[in-house]
């Protein structure tokens, strides 16, 4: 089931504000993920941030390869933080990941 219209609008607005230059295909996947049922209890800006970082991690970094090589999730996330931030920077994101365990 998709998010209610008001929430969809809020997600779209948060996504545009966070990632002004993200490619359309990436934006659509992030928008869908942010609107997922398991994200509905989160404010739209938080849902968009979590969906964005997860999408970049899985699609635009070596995260999956690191997991396949036996790294645990936290270690793999640490090792792809710079790659993730490079994508966020390329998309002119208004925030980056920080090395404090914050997701």
PDB file of N, CA and C in Angstrom:
ATOM      1  N   UNK A   1       0.850  -1.188   0.000  1.00  0.00           N
ATOM      2  CA  UNK A   1       0.000   0.000   0.000  1.00  0.00           C
ATOM      3  C   UNK A   1       0.893   1.249   0.000  1.00  0.00           C
ATOM      4  N   UNK A   2       0.556   2.207  -0.814  1.00  0.00           N
ATOM      5  CA  UNK A   2       1.390   3.411  -0.906  1.00  0.00           C
ATOM      6  C   UNK A   2       0.995   4.431   0.162  1.00  0.00           C
ATOM      7  N   UNK A   3       1.880   5.375   0.348  1.00  0.00           N
ATOM      8  CA  UNK A   3       1.663   6.408   1.361  1.00  0.00           C
ATOM      9  C   UNK A   3       0.501   7.306   0.961  1.00  0.00           C
ATOM     10  N   UNK A   4      -0.205   7.864   1.955  1.00  0.00           N
ATOM     11  CA  UNK A   4      -1.272   8.827   1.653  1.00  0.00           C
ATOM     12  C   UNK A   4      -0.711  10.023   0.878  1.00  0.00           C
ATOM     13  N   UNK A   5      -1.584  10.697   0.154  1.00  0.00           N
ATOM     14  CA  UNK A   5      -1.169  11.789  -0.722  1.00  0.00           C
ATOM     15  C   UNK A   5      -0.363  12.868  -0.014  1.00  0.00           C
ATOM     16  N   UNK A   6      -0.798  13.301   1.163  1.00  0.00           N
ATOM     17  CA  UNK A   6      -0.063  14.342   1.897  1.00  0.00           C
ATOM     18  C   UNK A   6       1.344  13.893   2.237  1.00  0.00           C
ATOM     19  N   UNK A   7       1.474  12.656   2.638  1.00  0.00           N
ATOM     20  CA  UNK A   7       2.807  12.122   2.953  1.00  0.00           C
ATOM     21  C   UNK A   7       3.643  12.016   1.680  1.00  0.00           C
ATOM     22  N   UNK A   8       3.040  11.563   0.581  1.00  0.00           N
ATOM     23  CA  UNK A   8       3.769  11.482  -0.691  1.00  0.00           C
ATOM     24  C   UNK A   8       4.308  12.851  -1.092  1.00  0.00           C
ATOM     25  N   UNK A   9       3.481  13.868  -0.916  1.00  0.00           N
ATOM     26  CA  UNK A   9       3.919  15.241  -1.238  1.00  0.00           C
ATOM     27  C   UNK A   9       5.071  15.670  -0.344  1.00  0.00           C
ATOM     28  N   UNK A  10       4.973  15.358   0.949  1.00  0.00           N
ATOM     29  CA  UNK A  10       6.027  15.726   1.901  1.00  0.00           C
ATOM     30  C   UNK A  10       7.328  14.993   1.576  1.00  0.00           C
ATOM     31  N   UNK A  11       7.220  13.733   1.181  1.00  0.00           N
ATOM     32  CA  UNK A  11       8.401  12.957   0.790  1.00  0.00           C
ATOM     33  C   UNK A  11       9.027  13.561  -0.467  1.00  0.00           C
ATOM     34  N   UNK A  12       8.208  13.897  -1.442  1.00  0.00           N
ATOM     35  CA  UNK A  12       8.723  14.494  -2.683  1.00  0.00           C
ATOM     36  C   UNK A  12       9.427  15.817  -2.397  1.00  0.00           C
ATOM     37  N   UNK A  13       8.840  16.617  -1.522  1.00  0.00           N
ATOM     38  CA  UNK A  13       9.434  17.906  -1.164  1.00  0.00           C
ATOM     39  C   UNK A  13      10.768  17.703  -0.438  1.00  0.00           C
ATOM     40  N   UNK A  14      10.806  16.776   0.511  1.00  0.00           N
ATOM     41  CA  UNK A  14      12.033  16.496   1.264  1.00  0.00           C
ATOM     42  C   UNK A  14      13.120  15.953   0.335  1.00  0.00           C
ATOM     43  N   UNK A  15      12.725  15.132  -0.613  1.00  0.00           N
ATOM     44  CA  UNK A  15      13.673  14.539  -1.552  1.00  0.00           C
ATOM     45  C   UNK A  15      14.278  15.609  -2.455  1.00  0.00           C
ATOM     46  N   UNK A  16      13.461  16.488  -2.965  1.00  0.00           N
ATOM     47  CA  UNK A  16      13.948  17.576  -3.816  1.00  0.00           C
ATOM     48  C   UNK A  16      14.873  18.505  -3.042  1.00  0.00           C
ATOM     49  N   UNK A  17      14.534  18.765  -1.777  1.00  0.00           N
ATOM     50  CA  UNK A  17      15.366  19.639  -0.946  1.00  0.00           C
ATOM     51  C   UNK A  17      16.710  18.984  -0.624  1.00  0.00           C
ATOM     52  N   UNK A  18      16.696  17.682  -0.328  1.00  0.00           N
ATOM     53  CA  UNK A  18      17.919  16.975   0.056  1.00  0.00           C
ATOM     54  C   UNK A  18      18.839  16.727  -1.132  1.00  0.00           C
ATOM     55  N   UNK A  19      18.262  16.356  -2.276  1.00  0.00           N
ATOM     56  CA  UNK A  19      19.054  15.883  -3.424  1.00  0.00           C
ATOM     57  C   UNK A  19      18.703  16.616  -4.711  1.00  0.00           C
ATOM     58  N   UNK A  20      19.066  17.880  -4.818  1.00  0.00           N
ATOM     59  CA  UNK A  20      18.645  18.657  -5.997  1.00  0.00           C
ATOM     60  C   UNK A  20      19.133  18.105  -7.336  1.00  0.00           C
ATOM     61  N   UNK A  21      20.252  17.404  -7.386  1.00  0.00           N
ATOM     62  CA  UNK A  21      20.782  16.945  -8.671  1.00  0.00           C
ATOM     63  C   UNK A  21      20.822  15.420  -8.825  1.00  0.00           C
ATOM     64  N   UNK A  22      20.069  14.702  -8.015  1.00  0.00           N
ATOM     65  CA  UNK A  22      20.049  13.238  -8.146  1.00  0.00           C
ATOM     66  C   UNK A  22      19.362  12.851  -9.449  1.00  0.00           C
ATOM     67  N   UNK A  23      19.857  11.810 -10.113  1.00  0.00           N
ATOM     68  CA  UNK A  23      19.211  11.326 -11.335  1.00  0.00           C
ATOM     69  C   UNK A  23      17.784  10.851 -11.061  1.00  0.00           C
ATOM     70  N   UNK A  24      16.922  10.999 -12.063  1.00  0.00           N
ATOM     71  CA  UNK A  24      15.503  10.652 -11.924  1.00  0.00           C
ATOM     72  C   UNK A  24      15.305   9.206 -11.455  1.00  0.00           C
ATOM     73  N   UNK A  25      16.002   8.256 -12.052  1.00  0.00           N
ATOM     74  CA  UNK A  25      15.823   6.847 -11.689  1.00  0.00           C
ATOM     75  C   UNK A  25      16.151   6.613 -10.209  1.00  0.00           C
ATOM     76  N   UNK A  26      17.204   7.246  -9.729  1.00  0.00           N
ATOM     77  CA  UNK A  26      17.557   7.121  -8.313  1.00  0.00           C
ATOM     78  C   UNK A  26      16.492   7.785  -7.442  1.00  0.00           C
ATOM     79  N   UNK A  27      16.042   8.960  -7.851  1.00  0.00           N
ATOM     80  CA  UNK A  27      15.020   9.685  -7.078  1.00  0.00           C
ATOM     81  C   UNK A  27      13.746   8.850  -6.958  1.00  0.00           C
ATOM     82  N   UNK A  28      13.340   8.207  -8.048  1.00  0.00           N
ATOM     83  CA  UNK A  28      12.105   7.413  -8.020  1.00  0.00           C
ATOM     84  C   UNK A  28      12.229   6.232  -7.057  1.00  0.00           C
ATOM     85  N   UNK A  29      13.371   5.568  -7.060  1.00  0.00           N
ATOM     86  CA  UNK A  29      13.587   4.426  -6.151  1.00  0.00           C
ATOM     87  C   UNK A  29      13.613   4.906  -4.702  1.00  0.00           C
ATOM     88  N   UNK A  30      14.304   6.004  -4.451  1.00  0.00           N
ATOM     89  CA  UNK A  30      14.369   6.556  -3.089  1.00  0.00           C
ATOM     90  C   UNK A  30      12.979   6.996  -2.633  1.00  0.00           C
ATOM     91  N   UNK A  31      12.235   7.645  -3.523  1.00  0.00           N
ATOM     92  CA  UNK A  31      10.870   8.090  -3.187  1.00  0.00           C
ATOM     93  C   UNK A  31      10.006   6.887  -2.794  1.00  0.00           C
ATOM     94  N   UNK A  32      10.095   5.804  -3.572  1.00  0.00           N
ATOM     95  CA  UNK A  32       9.308   4.603  -3.271  1.00  0.00           C
ATOM     96  C   UNK A  32       9.733   4.002  -1.932  1.00  0.00           C
ATOM     97  N   UNK A  33      11.037   3.923  -1.702  1.00  0.00           N
ATOM     98  CA  UNK A  33      11.531   3.348  -0.447  1.00  0.00           C
ATOM     99  C   UNK A  33      11.131   4.201   0.759  1.00  0.00           C
ATOM    100  N   UNK A  34      11.192   5.517   0.612  1.00  0.00           N
ATOM    101  CA  UNK A  34      10.822   6.420   1.713  1.00  0.00           C
ATOM    102  C   UNK A  34       9.335   6.323   2.033  1.00  0.00           C
ATOM    103  N   UNK A  35       8.532   5.954   1.034  1.00  0.00           N
ATOM    104  CA  UNK A  35       7.093   5.832   1.234  1.00  0.00           C
ATOM    105  C   UNK A  35       6.646   4.452   1.683  1.00  0.00           C
ATOM    106  N   UNK A  36       7.596   3.550   1.884  1.00  0.00           N
ATOM    107  CA  UNK A  36       7.263   2.171   2.272  1.00  0.00           C
ATOM    108  C   UNK A  36       6.604   2.122   3.644  1.00  0.00           C
ATOM    109  N   UNK A  37       5.818   1.082   3.849  1.00  0.00           N
ATOM    110  CA  UNK A  37       5.062   0.909   5.090  1.00  0.00           C
ATOM    111  C   UNK A  37       5.961   0.975   6.328  1.00  0.00           C
ATOM    112  N   UNK A  38       7.129   0.350   6.279  1.00  0.00           N
ATOM    113  CA  UNK A  38       7.995   0.327   7.468  1.00  0.00           C
ATOM    114  C   UNK A  38       8.601   1.696   7.788  1.00  0.00           C
ATOM    115  N   UNK A  39       8.419   2.672   6.904  1.00  0.00           N
ATOM    116  CA  UNK A  39       8.938   4.029   7.147  1.00  0.00           C
ATOM    117  C   UNK A  39       7.838   4.995   7.598  1.00  0.00           C
ATOM    118  N   UNK A  40       6.581   4.531   7.635  1.00  0.00           N
ATOM    119  CA  UNK A  40       5.464   5.462   7.841  1.00  0.00           C
ATOM    120  C   UNK A  40       5.449   6.153   9.194  1.00  0.00           C
ATOM    121  N   UNK A  41       6.096   5.571  10.198  1.00  0.00           N
ATOM    122  CA  UNK A  41       6.105   6.208  11.511  1.00  0.00           C
ATOM    123  C   UNK A  41       7.170   7.305  11.615  1.00  0.00           C
ATOM    124  N   UNK A  42       8.041   7.385  10.611  1.00  0.00           N
ATOM    125  CA  UNK A  42       9.116   8.386  10.618  1.00  0.00           C
ATOM    126  C   UNK A  42       8.679   9.670   9.931  1.00  0.00           C
ATOM    127  N   UNK A  43       9.209  10.814  10.370  1.00  0.00           N
ATOM    128  CA  UNK A  43       8.947  12.052   9.631  1.00  0.00           C
ATOM    129  C   UNK A  43       9.477  11.902   8.202  1.00  0.00           C
ATOM    130  N   UNK A  44       8.840  12.527   7.214  1.00  0.00           N
ATOM    131  CA  UNK A  44       9.273  12.394   5.822  1.00  0.00           C
ATOM    132  C   UNK A  44      10.756  12.699   5.598  1.00  0.00           C
ATOM    133  N   UNK A  45      11.292  13.708   6.277  1.00  0.00           N
ATOM    134  CA  UNK A  45      12.711  14.043   6.062  1.00  0.00           C
ATOM    135  C   UNK A  45      13.629  12.915   6.523  1.00  0.00           C
ATOM    136  N   UNK A  46      13.271  12.256   7.620  1.00  0.00           N
ATOM    137  CA  UNK A  46      14.077  11.138   8.130  1.00  0.00           C
ATOM    138  C   UNK A  46      13.931   9.932   7.197  1.00  0.00           C
ATOM    139  N   UNK A  47      12.705   9.645   6.772  1.00  0.00           N
ATOM    140  CA  UNK A  47      12.470   8.520   5.860  1.00  0.00           C
ATOM    141  C   UNK A  47      13.264   8.712   4.563  1.00  0.00           C
ATOM    142  N   UNK A  48      13.277   9.935   4.049  1.00  0.00           N
ATOM    143  CA  UNK A  48      14.023  10.220   2.815  1.00  0.00           C
ATOM    144  C   UNK A  48      15.521  10.042   3.043  1.00  0.00           C
ATOM    145  N   UNK A  49      16.034  10.529   4.165  1.00  0.00           N
ATOM    146  CA  UNK A  49      17.472  10.394   4.443  1.00  0.00           C
ATOM    147  C   UNK A  49      17.865   8.911   4.547  1.00  0.00           C
ATOM    148  N   UNK A  50      17.091   8.123   5.295  1.00  0.00           N
ATOM    149  CA  UNK A  50      17.402   6.707   5.448  1.00  0.00           C
ATOM    150  C   UNK A  50      17.297   5.966   4.116  1.00  0.00           C
ATOM    151  N   UNK A  51      16.254   6.267   3.339  1.00  0.00           N
ATOM    152  CA  UNK A  51      16.089   5.625   2.032  1.00  0.00           C
ATOM    153  C   UNK A  51      17.225   6.022   1.092  1.00  0.00           C
ATOM    154  N   UNK A  52      17.653   7.279   1.174  1.00  0.00           N
ATOM    155  CA  UNK A  52      18.742   7.765   0.321  1.00  0.00           C
ATOM    156  C   UNK A  52      20.049   7.060   0.643  1.00  0.00           C
ATOM    157  N   UNK A  53      20.411   7.024   1.916  1.00  0.00           N
ATOM    158  CA  UNK A  53      21.692   6.417   2.278  1.00  0.00           C
ATOM    159  C   UNK A  53      21.682   4.921   1.981  1.00  0.00           C
ATOM    160  N   UNK A  54      20.568   4.252   2.216  1.00  0.00           N
ATOM    161  CA  UNK A  54      20.485   2.817   1.910  1.00  0.00           C
ATOM    162  C   UNK A  54      20.594   2.591   0.401  1.00  0.00           C
ATOM    163  N   UNK A  55      19.882   3.392  -0.379  1.00  0.00           N
ATOM    164  CA  UNK A  55      19.926   3.242  -1.835  1.00  0.00           C
ATOM    165  C   UNK A  55      21.340   3.445  -2.367  1.00  0.00           C
ATOM    166  N   UNK A  56      21.976   4.512  -1.953  1.00  0.00           N
ATOM    167  CA  UNK A  56      23.340   4.789  -2.428  1.00  0.00           C
ATOM    168  C   UNK A  56      24.268   3.649  -2.013  1.00  0.00           C
ATOM    169  N   UNK A  57      24.151   3.232  -0.759  1.00  0.00           N
ATOM    170  CA  UNK A  57      25.022   2.176  -0.245  1.00  0.00           C
ATOM    171  C   UNK A  57      24.899   0.908  -1.091  1.00  0.00           C
ATOM    172  N   UNK A  58      23.665   0.507  -1.398  1.00  0.00           N
ATOM    173  CA  UNK A  58      23.445  -0.753  -2.112  1.00  0.00           C
ATOM    174  C   UNK A  58      23.694  -0.657  -3.617  1.00  0.00           C
ATOM    175  N   UNK A  59      23.473   0.515  -4.211  1.00  0.00           N
ATOM    176  CA  UNK A  59      23.531   0.640  -5.672  1.00  0.00           C
ATOM    177  C   UNK A  59      24.821   1.298  -6.176  1.00  0.00           C
ATOM    178  N   UNK A  60      25.375   2.229  -5.397  1.00  0.00           N
ATOM    179  CA  UNK A  60      26.488   3.044  -5.897  1.00  0.00           C
ATOM    180  C   UNK A  60      27.811   2.841  -5.158  1.00  0.00           C
ATOM    181  N   UNK A  61      27.885   1.819  -4.286  1.00  0.00           N
ATOM    182  CA  UNK A  61      29.134   1.573  -3.548  1.00  0.00           C
ATOM    183  C   UNK A  61      29.472   0.083  -3.581  1.00  0.00           C
ATOM    184  N   UNK A  62      30.568  -0.276  -2.942  1.00  0.00           N
ATOM    185  CA  UNK A  62      31.007  -1.671  -2.847  1.00  0.00           C
ATOM    186  C   UNK A  62      30.385  -2.405  -1.654  1.00  0.00           C
ATOM    187  N   UNK A  63      29.346  -1.844  -1.066  1.00  0.00           N
ATOM    188  CA  UNK A  63      28.735  -2.410   0.143  1.00  0.00           C
ATOM    189  C   UNK A  63      28.380  -3.890  -0.021  1.00  0.00           C
ATOM    190  N   UNK A  64      27.640  -4.219  -1.072  1.00  0.00           N
ATOM    191  CA  UNK A  64      27.212  -5.614  -1.284  1.00  0.00           C
ATOM    192  C   UNK A  64      28.420  -6.540  -1.426  1.00  0.00           C
ATOM    193  N   UNK A  65      29.446  -6.062  -2.130  1.00  0.00           N
ATOM    194  CA  UNK A  65      30.668  -6.856  -2.317  1.00  0.00           C
ATOM    195  C   UNK A  65      31.347  -7.116  -0.966  1.00  0.00           C
ATOM    196  N   UNK A  66      31.397  -6.088  -0.130  1.00  0.00           N
ATOM    197  CA  UNK A  66      32.009  -6.238   1.195  1.00  0.00           C
ATOM    198  C   UNK A  66      31.235  -7.245   2.041  1.00  0.00           C
ATOM    199  N   UNK A  67      29.899  -7.179   1.987  1.00  0.00           N
ATOM    200  CA  UNK A  67      29.095  -8.148   2.730  1.00  0.00           C
ATOM    201  C   UNK A  67      29.373  -9.559   2.218  1.00  0.00           C
ATOM    202  N   UNK A  68      29.459  -9.701   0.897  1.00  0.00           N
ATOM    203  CA  UNK A  68      29.722 -11.014   0.301  1.00  0.00           C
ATOM    204  C   UNK A  68      31.098 -11.544   0.707  1.00  0.00           C
ATOM    205  N   UNK A  69      32.033 -10.624   0.970  1.00  0.00           N
ATOM    206  CA  UNK A  69      33.378 -11.022   1.398  1.00  0.00           C
ATOM    207  C   UNK A  69      33.443 -11.345   2.889  1.00  0.00           C
ATOM    208  N   UNK A  70      32.326 -11.167   3.591  1.00  0.00           N
ATOM    209  CA  UNK A  70      32.269 -11.556   4.994  1.00  0.00           C
ATOM    210  C   UNK A  70      32.313 -10.426   6.005  1.00  0.00           C
ATOM    211  N   UNK A  71      32.357  -9.189   5.541  1.00  0.00           N
ATOM    212  CA  UNK A  71      32.326  -8.069   6.485  1.00  0.00           C
ATOM    213  C   UNK A  71      30.944  -7.968   7.117  1.00  0.00           C
ATOM    214  N   UNK A  72      30.893  -7.569   8.393  1.00  0.00           N
ATOM    215  CA  UNK A  72      29.593  -7.335   9.015  1.00  0.00           C
ATOM    216  C   UNK A  72      29.047  -5.996   8.515  1.00  0.00           C
ATOM    217  N   UNK A  73      27.764  -5.762   8.745  1.00  0.00           N
ATOM    218  CA  UNK A  73      27.108  -4.557   8.209  1.00  0.00           C
ATOM    219  C   UNK A  73      27.783  -3.270   8.648  1.00  0.00           C
ATOM    220  N   UNK A  74      28.105  -3.154   9.933  1.00  0.00           N
ATOM    221  CA  UNK A  74      28.711  -1.916  10.432  1.00  0.00           C
ATOM    222  C   UNK A  74      30.067  -1.651   9.796  1.00  0.00           C
ATOM    223  N   UNK A  75      30.875  -2.702   9.666  1.00  0.00           N
ATOM    224  CA  UNK A  75      32.186  -2.532   9.027  1.00  0.00           C
ATOM    225  C   UNK A  75      32.022  -2.146   7.564  1.00  0.00           C
ATOM    226  N   UNK A  76      31.130  -2.832   6.860  1.00  0.00           N
ATOM    227  CA  UNK A  76      30.898  -2.535   5.450  1.00  0.00           C
ATOM    228  C   UNK A  76      30.410  -1.091   5.290  1.00  0.00           C
ATOM    229  N   UNK A  77      29.514  -0.663   6.164  1.00  0.00           N
ATOM    230  CA  UNK A  77      29.021   0.729   6.103  1.00  0.00           C
ATOM    231  C   UNK A  77      30.157   1.717   6.333  1.00  0.00           C
ATOM    232  N   UNK A  78      31.022   1.405   7.271  1.00  0.00           N
ATOM    233  CA  UNK A  78      32.163   2.277   7.535  1.00  0.00           C
ATOM    234  C   UNK A  78      33.038   2.400   6.287  1.00  0.00           C
ATOM    235  N   UNK A  79      33.324   1.277   5.645  1.00  0.00           N
ATOM    236  CA  UNK A  79      34.228   1.281   4.497  1.00  0.00           C
ATOM    237  C   UNK A  79      33.634   1.951   3.255  1.00  0.00           C
ATOM    238  N   UNK A  80      32.303   2.069   3.178  1.00  0.00           N
ATOM    239  CA  UNK A  80      31.706   2.729   2.003  1.00  0.00           C
ATOM    240  C   UNK A  80      31.239   4.153   2.308  1.00  0.00           C
ATOM    241  N   UNK A  81      31.536   4.639   3.508  1.00  0.00           N
ATOM    242  CA  UNK A  81      31.085   5.991   3.872  1.00  0.00           C
ATOM    243  C   UNK A  81      31.610   7.047   2.901  1.00  0.00           C
ATOM    244  N   UNK A  82      32.886   6.966   2.549  1.00  0.00           N
ATOM    245  CA  UNK A  82      33.458   7.956   1.638  1.00  0.00           C
ATOM    246  C   UNK A  82      32.810   7.877   0.256  1.00  0.00           C
ATOM    247  N   UNK A  83      32.592   6.659  -0.246  1.00  0.00           N
ATOM    248  CA  UNK A  83      31.919   6.498  -1.543  1.00  0.00           C
ATOM    249  C   UNK A  83      30.506   7.077  -1.477  1.00  0.00           C
ATOM    250  N   UNK A  84      29.821   6.809  -0.379  1.00  0.00           N
ATOM    251  CA  UNK A  84      28.459   7.322  -0.196  1.00  0.00           C
ATOM    252  C   UNK A  84      28.463   8.846  -0.213  1.00  0.00           C
ATOM    253  N   UNK A  85      29.379   9.448   0.528  1.00  0.00           N
ATOM    254  CA  UNK A  85      29.455  10.908   0.574  1.00  0.00           C
ATOM    255  C   UNK A  85      29.838  11.503  -0.783  1.00  0.00           C
ATOM    256  N   UNK A  86      30.641  10.777  -1.564  1.00  0.00           N
ATOM    257  CA  UNK A  86      30.986  11.263  -2.906  1.00  0.00           C
ATOM    258  C   UNK A  86      29.738  11.344  -3.782  1.00  0.00           C
ATOM    259  N   UNK A  87      28.866  10.333  -3.689  1.00  0.00           N
ATOM    260  CA  UNK A  87      27.615  10.351  -4.455  1.00  0.00           C
ATOM    261  C   UNK A  87      26.720  11.479  -3.948  1.00  0.00           C
ATOM    262  N   UNK A  88      26.588  11.603  -2.627  1.00  0.00           N
ATOM    263  CA  UNK A  88      25.780  12.684  -2.056  1.00  0.00           C
ATOM    264  C   UNK A  88      26.291  14.048  -2.528  1.00  0.00           C
ATOM    265  N   UNK A  89      27.597  14.220  -2.576  1.00  0.00           N
ATOM    266  CA  UNK A  89      28.186  15.484  -3.025  1.00  0.00           C
ATOM    267  C   UNK A  89      27.880  15.722  -4.505  1.00  0.00           C
ATOM    268  N   UNK A  90      28.016  14.680  -5.304  1.00  0.00           N
ATOM    269  CA  UNK A  90      27.728  14.798  -6.744  1.00  0.00           C
ATOM    270  C   UNK A  90      26.270  15.201  -6.969  1.00  0.00           C
ATOM    271  N   UNK A  91      25.382  14.721  -6.115  1.00  0.00           N
ATOM    272  CA  UNK A  91      23.962  15.045  -6.216  1.00  0.00           C
ATOM    273  C   UNK A  91      23.619  16.345  -5.492  1.00  0.00           C
ATOM    274  N   UNK A  92      24.637  17.046  -4.988  1.00  0.00           N
ATOM    275  CA  UNK A  92      24.479  18.316  -4.251  1.00  0.00           C
ATOM    276  C   UNK A  92      23.578  18.159  -3.035  1.00  0.00           C
ATOM    277  N   UNK A  93      23.762  17.059  -2.323  1.00  0.00           N
ATOM    278  CA  UNK A  93      22.967  16.810  -1.112  1.00  0.00           C
ATOM    279  C   UNK A  93      23.231  17.891  -0.080  1.00  0.00           C
ATOM    280  N   UNK A  94      22.216  18.174   0.721  1.00  0.00           N
ATOM    281  CA  UNK A  94      22.336  19.200   1.743  1.00  0.00           C
ATOM    282  C   UNK A  94      22.934  18.662   3.039  1.00  0.00           C
ATOM    283  N   UNK A  95      23.219  17.357   3.071  1.00  0.00           N
ATOM    284  CA  UNK A  95      23.920  16.779   4.216  1.00  0.00           C
ATOM    285  C   UNK A  95      24.709  15.573   3.761  1.00  0.00           C
ATOM    286  N   UNK A  96      25.681  15.180   4.598  1.00  0.00           N
ATOM    287  CA  UNK A  96      26.527  14.012   4.317  1.00  0.00           C
ATOM    288  C   UNK A  96      26.511  13.090   5.521  1.00  0.00           C
ATOM    289  N   UNK A  97      26.971  11.858   5.319  1.00  0.00           N
ATOM    290  CA  UNK A  97      27.152  10.950   6.453  1.00  0.00           C
ATOM    291  C   UNK A  97      28.309  11.436   7.293  1.00  0.00           C
ATOM    292  N   UNK A  98      28.211  11.236   8.592  1.00  0.00           N
ATOM    293  CA  UNK A  98      29.294  11.605   9.501  1.00  0.00           C
ATOM    294  C   UNK A  98      29.811  10.350  10.164  1.00  0.00           C
ATOM    295  N   UNK A  99      31.067  10.363  10.528  1.00  0.00           N
ATOM    296  CA  UNK A  99      31.705   9.199  11.137  1.00  0.00           C
ATOM    297  C   UNK A  99      31.468   9.169  12.644  1.00  0.00           C
ATOM    298  N   UNK A 100      30.184   9.039  13.012  1.00  0.00           N
ATOM    299  CA  UNK A 100      29.863   8.967  14.436  1.00  0.00           C
ATOM    300  C   UNK A 100      28.840   7.878  14.710  1.00  0.00           C
ATOM    301  N   UNK A 101      28.734   6.950  13.766  1.00  0.00           N
ATOM    302  CA  UNK A 101      27.784   5.867  13.935  1.00  0.00           C
ATOM    303  C   UNK A 101      26.374   6.255  13.545  1.00  0.00           C
ATOM    304  N   UNK A 102      26.163   7.517  13.216  1.00  0.00           N
ATOM    305  CA  UNK A 102      24.838   8.002  12.842  1.00  0.00           C
ATOM    306  C   UNK A 102      24.468   7.452  11.474  1.00  0.00           C
ATOM    307  N   UNK A 103      23.230   7.038  11.330  1.00  0.00           N
ATOM    308  CA  UNK A 103      22.758   6.591  10.018  1.00  0.00           C
ATOM    309  C   UNK A 103      21.660   7.493   9.590  1.00  0.00           C
TER     310      UNK A 103
END
